[in-house]
C-alpha cells in the first residue's frame, strides 16, 4: 500500500494540455520521492498525464477509478 500523498491537485475542470501542465508545475515544486495525488476526469487526461509523468522520469504508483473521475498517484523522481 502506498503511503498517503504529500500533495494533491484536482484537475477535473481542466482540458489537455493544461492537465499535464498543472501536474508538471506541481511536481516541480515538490521534493524527490514525494507523492502527488492527481484527480482527473476524461479519457485524454487519463492517457496523457501518466504517460507524460513517466516520460519525465516520475513513477506512477496507482491509477484508481473514483466515481466519475480517476486518481493518479505519482512519485516525484
PDB file of N, CA and C in Angstrom:
ATOM      1  N   UNK A   1       0.844  -1.191   0.000  1.00  0.00           N
ATOM      2  CA  UNK A   1       0.000   0.000   0.000  1.00  0.00           C
ATOM      3  C   UNK A   1       0.884   1.247   0.000  1.00  0.00           C
ATOM      4  N   UNK A   2       0.593   2.157  -0.903  1.00  0.00           N
ATOM      5  CA  UNK A   2       1.363   3.395  -0.986  1.00  0.00           C
ATOM      6  C   UNK A   2       1.047   4.273   0.222  1.00  0.00           C
ATOM      7  N   UNK A   3       2.045   5.067   0.615  1.00  0.00           N
ATOM      8  CA  UNK A   3       1.791   5.977   1.736  1.00  0.00           C
ATOM      9  C   UNK A   3       0.888   7.117   1.264  1.00  0.00           C
ATOM     10  N   UNK A   4       0.354   7.848   2.220  1.00  0.00           N
ATOM     11  CA  UNK A   4      -0.524   8.964   1.877  1.00  0.00           C
ATOM     12  C   UNK A   4       0.247   9.979   1.045  1.00  0.00           C
ATOM     13  N   UNK A   5      -0.439  10.608   0.083  1.00  0.00           N
ATOM     14  CA  UNK A   5       0.252  11.591  -0.760  1.00  0.00           C
ATOM     15  C   UNK A   5       0.703  12.805   0.057  1.00  0.00           C
ATOM     16  N   UNK A   6       1.832  13.381  -0.375  1.00  0.00           N
ATOM     17  CA  UNK A   6       2.337  14.607   0.247  1.00  0.00           C
ATOM     18  C   UNK A   6       1.559  15.823  -0.253  1.00  0.00           C
ATOM     19  N   UNK A   7       1.116  15.767  -1.503  1.00  0.00           N
ATOM     20  CA  UNK A   7       0.387  16.861  -2.145  1.00  0.00           C
ATOM     21  C   UNK A   7      -0.736  16.252  -2.978  1.00  0.00           C
ATOM     22  N   UNK A   8      -1.751  17.062  -3.273  1.00  0.00           N
ATOM     23  CA  UNK A   8      -2.789  16.595  -4.189  1.00  0.00           C
ATOM     24  C   UNK A   8      -3.320  17.783  -4.985  1.00  0.00           C
ATOM     25  N   UNK A   9      -3.745  17.490  -6.213  1.00  0.00           N
ATOM     26  CA  UNK A   9      -4.387  18.513  -7.038  1.00  0.00           C
ATOM     27  C   UNK A   9      -5.599  17.893  -7.725  1.00  0.00           C
ATOM     28  N   UNK A  10      -6.563  18.745  -8.010  1.00  0.00           N
ATOM     29  CA  UNK A  10      -7.781  18.335  -8.711  1.00  0.00           C
ATOM     30  C   UNK A  10      -7.789  19.068 -10.047  1.00  0.00           C
ATOM     31  N   UNK A  11      -7.631  18.298 -11.133  1.00  0.00           N
ATOM     32  CA  UNK A  11      -7.622  18.911 -12.471  1.00  0.00           C
ATOM     33  C   UNK A  11      -8.839  18.451 -13.274  1.00  0.00           C
ATOM     34  N   UNK A  12      -9.916  18.082 -12.565  1.00  0.00           N
ATOM     35  CA  UNK A  12     -11.107  17.594 -13.266  1.00  0.00           C
ATOM     36  C   UNK A  12     -11.728  18.672 -14.143  1.00  0.00           C
ATOM     37  N   UNK A  13     -11.482  19.947 -13.832  1.00  0.00           N
ATOM     38  CA  UNK A  13     -12.048  21.027 -14.635  1.00  0.00           C
ATOM     39  C   UNK A  13     -11.149  21.480 -15.771  1.00  0.00           C
ATOM     40  N   UNK A  14      -9.970  20.874 -15.900  1.00  0.00           N
ATOM     41  CA  UNK A  14      -9.002  21.286 -16.920  1.00  0.00           C
ATOM     42  C   UNK A  14      -9.110  20.417 -18.163  1.00  0.00           C
ATOM     43  N   UNK A  15      -8.643  20.954 -19.294  1.00  0.00           N
ATOM     44  CA  UNK A  15      -8.554  20.173 -20.527  1.00  0.00           C
ATOM     45  C   UNK A  15      -7.089  20.113 -20.953  1.00  0.00           C
ATOM     46  N   UNK A  16      -6.746  19.086 -21.735  1.00  0.00           N
ATOM     47  CA  UNK A  16      -5.375  18.962 -22.238  1.00  0.00           C
ATOM     48  C   UNK A  16      -5.073  20.156 -23.143  1.00  0.00           C
ATOM     49  N   UNK A  17      -3.881  20.728 -23.135  1.00  0.00           N
ATOM     50  CA  UNK A  17      -2.700  20.225 -22.412  1.00  0.00           C
ATOM     51  C   UNK A  17      -2.567  20.768 -20.991  1.00  0.00           C
ATOM     52  N   UNK A  18      -3.533  21.544 -20.516  1.00  0.00           N
ATOM     53  CA  UNK A  18      -3.406  22.130 -19.171  1.00  0.00           C
ATOM     54  C   UNK A  18      -3.411  21.071 -18.075  1.00  0.00           C
ATOM     55  N   UNK A  19      -3.980  19.906 -18.344  1.00  0.00           N
ATOM     56  CA  UNK A  19      -3.997  18.868 -17.316  1.00  0.00           C
ATOM     57  C   UNK A  19      -2.577  18.503 -16.916  1.00  0.00           C
ATOM     58  N   UNK A  20      -1.701  18.258 -17.897  1.00  0.00           N
ATOM     59  CA  UNK A  20      -0.341  17.909 -17.502  1.00  0.00           C
ATOM     60  C   UNK A  20       0.478  19.126 -17.124  1.00  0.00           C
ATOM     61  N   UNK A  21       0.200  20.281 -17.707  1.00  0.00           N
ATOM     62  CA  UNK A  21       0.930  21.496 -17.319  1.00  0.00           C
ATOM     63  C   UNK A  21       0.743  21.744 -15.819  1.00  0.00           C
ATOM     64  N   UNK A  22      -0.500  21.674 -15.341  1.00  0.00           N
ATOM     65  CA  UNK A  22      -0.766  21.873 -13.904  1.00  0.00           C
ATOM     66  C   UNK A  22      -0.055  20.795 -13.071  1.00  0.00           C
ATOM     67  N   UNK A  23      -0.106  19.539 -13.547  1.00  0.00           N
ATOM     68  CA  UNK A  23       0.543  18.436 -12.836  1.00  0.00           C
ATOM     69  C   UNK A  23       2.055  18.643 -12.795  1.00  0.00           C
ATOM     70  N   UNK A  24       2.643  18.995 -13.937  1.00  0.00           N
ATOM     71  CA  UNK A  24       4.090  19.208 -14.041  1.00  0.00           C
ATOM     72  C   UNK A  24       4.543  20.333 -13.106  1.00  0.00           C
ATOM     73  N   UNK A  25       3.814  21.447 -13.092  1.00  0.00           N
ATOM     74  CA  UNK A  25       4.185  22.567 -12.230  1.00  0.00           C
ATOM     75  C   UNK A  25       4.141  22.158 -10.760  1.00  0.00           C
ATOM     76  N   UNK A  26       3.132  21.382 -10.393  1.00  0.00           N
ATOM     77  CA  UNK A  26       3.023  20.911  -9.009  1.00  0.00           C
ATOM     78  C   UNK A  26       4.195  19.991  -8.665  1.00  0.00           C
ATOM     79  N   UNK A  27       4.517  19.050  -9.564  1.00  0.00           N
ATOM     80  CA  UNK A  27       5.626  18.133  -9.327  1.00  0.00           C
ATOM     81  C   UNK A  27       6.949  18.889  -9.189  1.00  0.00           C
ATOM     82  N   UNK A  28       7.141  19.926 -10.004  1.00  0.00           N
ATOM     83  CA  UNK A  28       8.396  20.688  -9.960  1.00  0.00           C
ATOM     84  C   UNK A  28       8.596  21.378  -8.612  1.00  0.00           C
ATOM     85  N   UNK A  29       7.514  21.669  -7.896  1.00  0.00           N
ATOM     86  CA  UNK A  29       7.620  22.331  -6.593  1.00  0.00           C
ATOM     87  C   UNK A  29       7.781  21.332  -5.441  1.00  0.00           C
ATOM     88  N   UNK A  30       7.772  20.051  -5.766  1.00  0.00           N
ATOM     89  CA  UNK A  30       7.879  19.016  -4.737  1.00  0.00           C
ATOM     90  C   UNK A  30       9.312  18.488  -4.653  1.00  0.00           C
ATOM     91  N   UNK A  31       9.638  17.843  -3.525  1.00  0.00           N
ATOM     92  CA  UNK A  31      10.953  17.239  -3.355  1.00  0.00           C
ATOM     93  C   UNK A  31      10.966  15.832  -3.953  1.00  0.00           C
ATOM     94  N   UNK A  32      12.142  15.374  -4.413  1.00  0.00           N
ATOM     95  CA  UNK A  32      12.246  14.000  -4.929  1.00  0.00           C
ATOM     96  C   UNK A  32      11.714  12.989  -3.915  1.00  0.00           C
ATOM     97  N   UNK A  33      10.948  12.037  -4.421  1.00  0.00           N
ATOM     98  CA  UNK A  33      10.397  10.989  -3.570  1.00  0.00           C
ATOM     99  C   UNK A  33       9.038  11.311  -2.990  1.00  0.00           C
ATOM    100  N   UNK A  34       8.640  12.585  -3.044  1.00  0.00           N
ATOM    101  CA  UNK A  34       7.309  12.940  -2.544  1.00  0.00           C
ATOM    102  C   UNK A  34       6.245  12.396  -3.495  1.00  0.00           C
ATOM    103  N   UNK A  35       5.044  12.238  -2.958  1.00  0.00           N
ATOM    104  CA  UNK A  35       3.953  11.617  -3.712  1.00  0.00           C
ATOM    105  C   UNK A  35       2.846  12.631  -3.961  1.00  0.00           C
ATOM    106  N   UNK A  36       2.419  12.673  -5.220  1.00  0.00           N
ATOM    107  CA  UNK A  36       1.356  13.582  -5.650  1.00  0.00           C
ATOM    108  C   UNK A  36       0.138  12.773  -6.073  1.00  0.00           C
ATOM    109  N   UNK A  37      -1.016  13.146  -5.557  1.00  0.00           N
ATOM    110  CA  UNK A  37      -2.289  12.549  -5.954  1.00  0.00           C
ATOM    111  C   UNK A  37      -2.982  13.528  -6.905  1.00  0.00           C
ATOM    112  N   UNK A  38      -3.306  13.042  -8.106  1.00  0.00           N
ATOM    113  CA  UNK A  38      -3.925  13.887  -9.135  1.00  0.00           C
ATOM    114  C   UNK A  38      -5.321  13.353  -9.441  1.00  0.00           C
ATOM    115  N   UNK A  39      -6.334  14.178  -9.187  1.00  0.00           N
ATOM    116  CA  UNK A  39      -7.708  13.802  -9.528  1.00  0.00           C
ATOM    117  C   UNK A  39      -8.010  14.369 -10.911  1.00  0.00           C
ATOM    118  N   UNK A  40      -8.402  13.507 -11.830  1.00  0.00           N
ATOM    119  CA  UNK A  40      -8.682  13.947 -13.192  1.00  0.00           C
ATOM    120  C   UNK A  40      -9.908  13.243 -13.737  1.00  0.00           C
ATOM    121  N   UNK A  41     -10.419  13.767 -14.842  1.00  0.00           N
ATOM    122  CA  UNK A  41     -11.627  13.209 -15.446  1.00  0.00           C
ATOM    123  C   UNK A  41     -11.453  13.199 -16.956  1.00  0.00           C
ATOM    124  N   UNK A  42     -11.870  12.102 -17.596  1.00  0.00           N
ATOM    125  CA  UNK A  42     -11.860  12.013 -19.054  1.00  0.00           C
ATOM    126  C   UNK A  42     -10.759  11.103 -19.566  1.00  0.00           C
ATOM    127  N   UNK A  43     -10.980  10.582 -20.772  1.00  0.00           N
ATOM    128  CA  UNK A  43     -10.036   9.630 -21.366  1.00  0.00           C
ATOM    129  C   UNK A  43      -8.699  10.265 -21.720  1.00  0.00           C
ATOM    130  N   UNK A  44      -8.738  11.483 -22.281  1.00  0.00           N
ATOM    131  CA  UNK A  44      -7.491  12.107 -22.732  1.00  0.00           C
ATOM    132  C   UNK A  44      -6.534  12.382 -21.570  1.00  0.00           C
ATOM    133  N   UNK A  45      -6.997  13.041 -20.488  1.00  0.00           N
ATOM    134  CA  UNK A  45      -6.079  13.221 -19.346  1.00  0.00           C
ATOM    135  C   UNK A  45      -5.625  11.891 -18.744  1.00  0.00           C
ATOM    136  N   UNK A  46      -6.497  10.894 -18.745  1.00  0.00           N
ATOM    137  CA  UNK A  46      -6.143   9.590 -18.173  1.00  0.00           C
ATOM    138  C   UNK A  46      -5.013   8.940 -18.967  1.00  0.00           C
ATOM    139  N   UNK A  47      -4.977   9.171 -20.276  1.00  0.00           N
ATOM    140  CA  UNK A  47      -3.868   8.665 -21.096  1.00  0.00           C
ATOM    141  C   UNK A  47      -2.635   9.550 -20.963  1.00  0.00           C
ATOM    142  N   UNK A  48      -2.833  10.866 -21.053  1.00  0.00           N
ATOM    143  CA  UNK A  48      -1.715  11.794 -21.193  1.00  0.00           C
ATOM    144  C   UNK A  48      -0.962  12.087 -19.905  1.00  0.00           C
ATOM    145  N   UNK A  49      -1.657  12.259 -18.793  1.00  0.00           N
ATOM    146  CA  UNK A  49      -0.970  12.639 -17.553  1.00  0.00           C
ATOM    147  C   UNK A  49      -0.005  11.537 -17.092  1.00  0.00           C
ATOM    148  N   UNK A  50      -0.442  10.271 -16.990  1.00  0.00           N
ATOM    149  CA  UNK A  50       0.521   9.233 -16.576  1.00  0.00           C
ATOM    150  C   UNK A  50       1.675   9.069 -17.569  1.00  0.00           C
ATOM    151  N   UNK A  51       1.372   9.121 -18.869  1.00  0.00           N
ATOM    152  CA  UNK A  51       2.425   8.951 -19.876  1.00  0.00           C
ATOM    153  C   UNK A  51       3.441  10.085 -19.779  1.00  0.00           C
ATOM    154  N   UNK A  52       2.964  11.318 -19.695  1.00  0.00           N
ATOM    155  CA  UNK A  52       3.865  12.467 -19.617  1.00  0.00           C
ATOM    156  C   UNK A  52       4.686  12.432 -18.328  1.00  0.00           C
ATOM    157  N   UNK A  53       4.080  12.013 -17.226  1.00  0.00           N
ATOM    158  CA  UNK A  53       4.826  11.909 -15.967  1.00  0.00           C
ATOM    159  C   UNK A  53       5.929  10.865 -16.086  1.00  0.00           C
ATOM    160  N   UNK A  54       5.614   9.707 -16.698  1.00  0.00           N
ATOM    161  CA  UNK A  54       6.636   8.666 -16.906  1.00  0.00           C
ATOM    162  C   UNK A  54       7.749   9.190 -17.808  1.00  0.00           C
ATOM    163  N   UNK A  55       7.378   9.920 -18.861  1.00  0.00           N
ATOM    164  CA  UNK A  55       8.367  10.476 -19.789  1.00  0.00           C
ATOM    165  C   UNK A  55       9.340  11.399 -19.068  1.00  0.00           C
ATOM    166  N   UNK A  56       8.894  12.056 -17.998  1.00  0.00           N
ATOM    167  CA  UNK A  56       9.743  12.960 -17.225  1.00  0.00           C
ATOM    168  C   UNK A  56      10.499  12.223 -16.118  1.00  0.00           C
ATOM    169  N   UNK A  57      10.329  10.901 -16.041  1.00  0.00           N
ATOM    170  CA  UNK A  57      11.093  10.109 -15.086  1.00  0.00           C
ATOM    171  C   UNK A  57      10.391   9.817 -13.778  1.00  0.00           C
ATOM    172  N   UNK A  58       9.145  10.282 -13.626  1.00  0.00           N
ATOM    173  CA  UNK A  58       8.396  10.031 -12.394  1.00  0.00           C
ATOM    174  C   UNK A  58       7.788   8.628 -12.443  1.00  0.00           C
ATOM    175  N   UNK A  59       7.391   8.113 -11.296  1.00  0.00           N
ATOM    176  CA  UNK A  59       6.789   6.776 -11.207  1.00  0.00           C
ATOM    177  C   UNK A  59       5.288   6.887 -10.973  1.00  0.00           C
ATOM    178  N   UNK A  60       4.525   6.098 -11.711  1.00  0.00           N
ATOM    179  CA  UNK A  60       3.080   6.008 -11.485  1.00  0.00           C
ATOM    180  C   UNK A  60       2.867   4.884 -10.473  1.00  0.00           C
ATOM    181  N   UNK A  61       2.379   5.241  -9.298  1.00  0.00           N
ATOM    182  CA  UNK A  61       2.180   4.245  -8.240  1.00  0.00           C
ATOM    183  C   UNK A  61       0.835   3.549  -8.369  1.00  0.00           C
ATOM    184  N   UNK A  62      -0.192   4.304  -8.793  1.00  0.00           N
ATOM    185  CA  UNK A  62      -1.512   3.700  -8.954  1.00  0.00           C
ATOM    186  C   UNK A  62      -2.405   4.607  -9.783  1.00  0.00           C
ATOM    187  N   UNK A  63      -3.413   3.978 -10.370  1.00  0.00           N
ATOM    188  CA  UNK A  63      -4.492   4.691 -11.056  1.00  0.00           C
ATOM    189  C   UNK A  63      -5.778   4.036 -10.578  1.00  0.00           C
ATOM    190  N   UNK A  64      -6.595   4.814  -9.877  1.00  0.00           N
ATOM    191  CA  UNK A  64      -7.832   4.273  -9.308  1.00  0.00           C
ATOM    192  C   UNK A  64      -9.032   5.022  -9.855  1.00  0.00           C
ATOM    193  N   UNK A  65     -10.090   4.280 -10.146  1.00  0.00           N
ATOM    194  CA  UNK A  65     -11.349   4.899 -10.551  1.00  0.00           C
ATOM    195  C   UNK A  65     -12.124   5.268  -9.296  1.00  0.00           C
ATOM    196  N   UNK A  66     -12.573   6.513  -9.226  1.00  0.00           N
ATOM    197  CA  UNK A  66     -13.323   7.004  -8.067  1.00  0.00           C
ATOM    198  C   UNK A  66     -14.534   7.759  -8.605  1.00  0.00           C
ATOM    199  N   UNK A  67     -15.674   7.094  -8.599  1.00  0.00           N
ATOM    200  CA  UNK A  67     -16.871   7.712  -9.159  1.00  0.00           C
ATOM    201  C   UNK A  67     -16.682   8.005 -10.643  1.00  0.00           C
ATOM    202  N   UNK A  68     -16.893   9.263 -11.038  1.00  0.00           N
ATOM    203  CA  UNK A  68     -16.753   9.623 -12.458  1.00  0.00           C
ATOM    204  C   UNK A  68     -15.364  10.180 -12.760  1.00  0.00           C
ATOM    205  N   UNK A  69     -14.418  10.004 -11.839  1.00  0.00           N
ATOM    206  CA  UNK A  69     -13.060  10.531 -12.021  1.00  0.00           C
ATOM    207  C   UNK A  69     -12.042   9.419 -11.755  1.00  0.00           C
ATOM    208  N   UNK A  70     -10.769   9.752 -11.911  1.00  0.00           N
ATOM    209  CA  UNK A  70      -9.669   8.845 -11.590  1.00  0.00           C
ATOM    210  C   UNK A  70      -8.683   9.587 -10.692  1.00  0.00           C
ATOM    211  N   UNK A  71      -8.015   8.825  -9.847  1.00  0.00           N
ATOM    212  CA  UNK A  71      -6.933   9.357  -9.019  1.00  0.00           C
ATOM    213  C   UNK A  71      -5.651   8.689  -9.500  1.00  0.00           C
ATOM    214  N   UNK A  72      -4.722   9.507  -9.999  1.00  0.00           N
ATOM    215  CA  UNK A  72      -3.419   9.015 -10.433  1.00  0.00           C
ATOM    216  C   UNK A  72      -2.413   9.418  -9.352  1.00  0.00           C
ATOM    217  N   UNK A  73      -1.709   8.432  -8.821  1.00  0.00           N
ATOM    218  CA  UNK A  73      -0.737   8.678  -7.763  1.00  0.00           C
ATOM    219  C   UNK A  73       0.664   8.587  -8.366  1.00  0.00           C
ATOM    220  N   UNK A  74       1.432   9.681  -8.217  1.00  0.00           N
ATOM    221  CA  UNK A  74       2.735   9.816  -8.872  1.00  0.00           C
ATOM    222  C   UNK A  74       3.805  10.059  -7.813  1.00  0.00           C
ATOM    223  N   UNK A  75       4.937   9.331  -7.919  1.00  0.00           N
ATOM    224  CA  UNK A  75       6.095   9.616  -7.055  1.00  0.00           C
ATOM    225  C   UNK A  75       7.076  10.465  -7.843  1.00  0.00           C
ATOM    226  N   UNK A  76       7.443  11.607  -7.269  1.00  0.00           N
ATOM    227  CA  UNK A  76       8.369  12.506  -7.963  1.00  0.00           C
ATOM    228  C   UNK A  76       9.740  11.879  -8.069  1.00  0.00           C
ATOM    229  N   UNK A  77      10.341  12.014  -9.233  1.00  0.00           N
ATOM    230  CA  UNK A  77      11.686  11.450  -9.484  1.00  0.00           C
ATOM    231  C   UNK A  77      12.730  12.214  -8.680  1.00  0.00           C
TER     232      UNK A  77
END
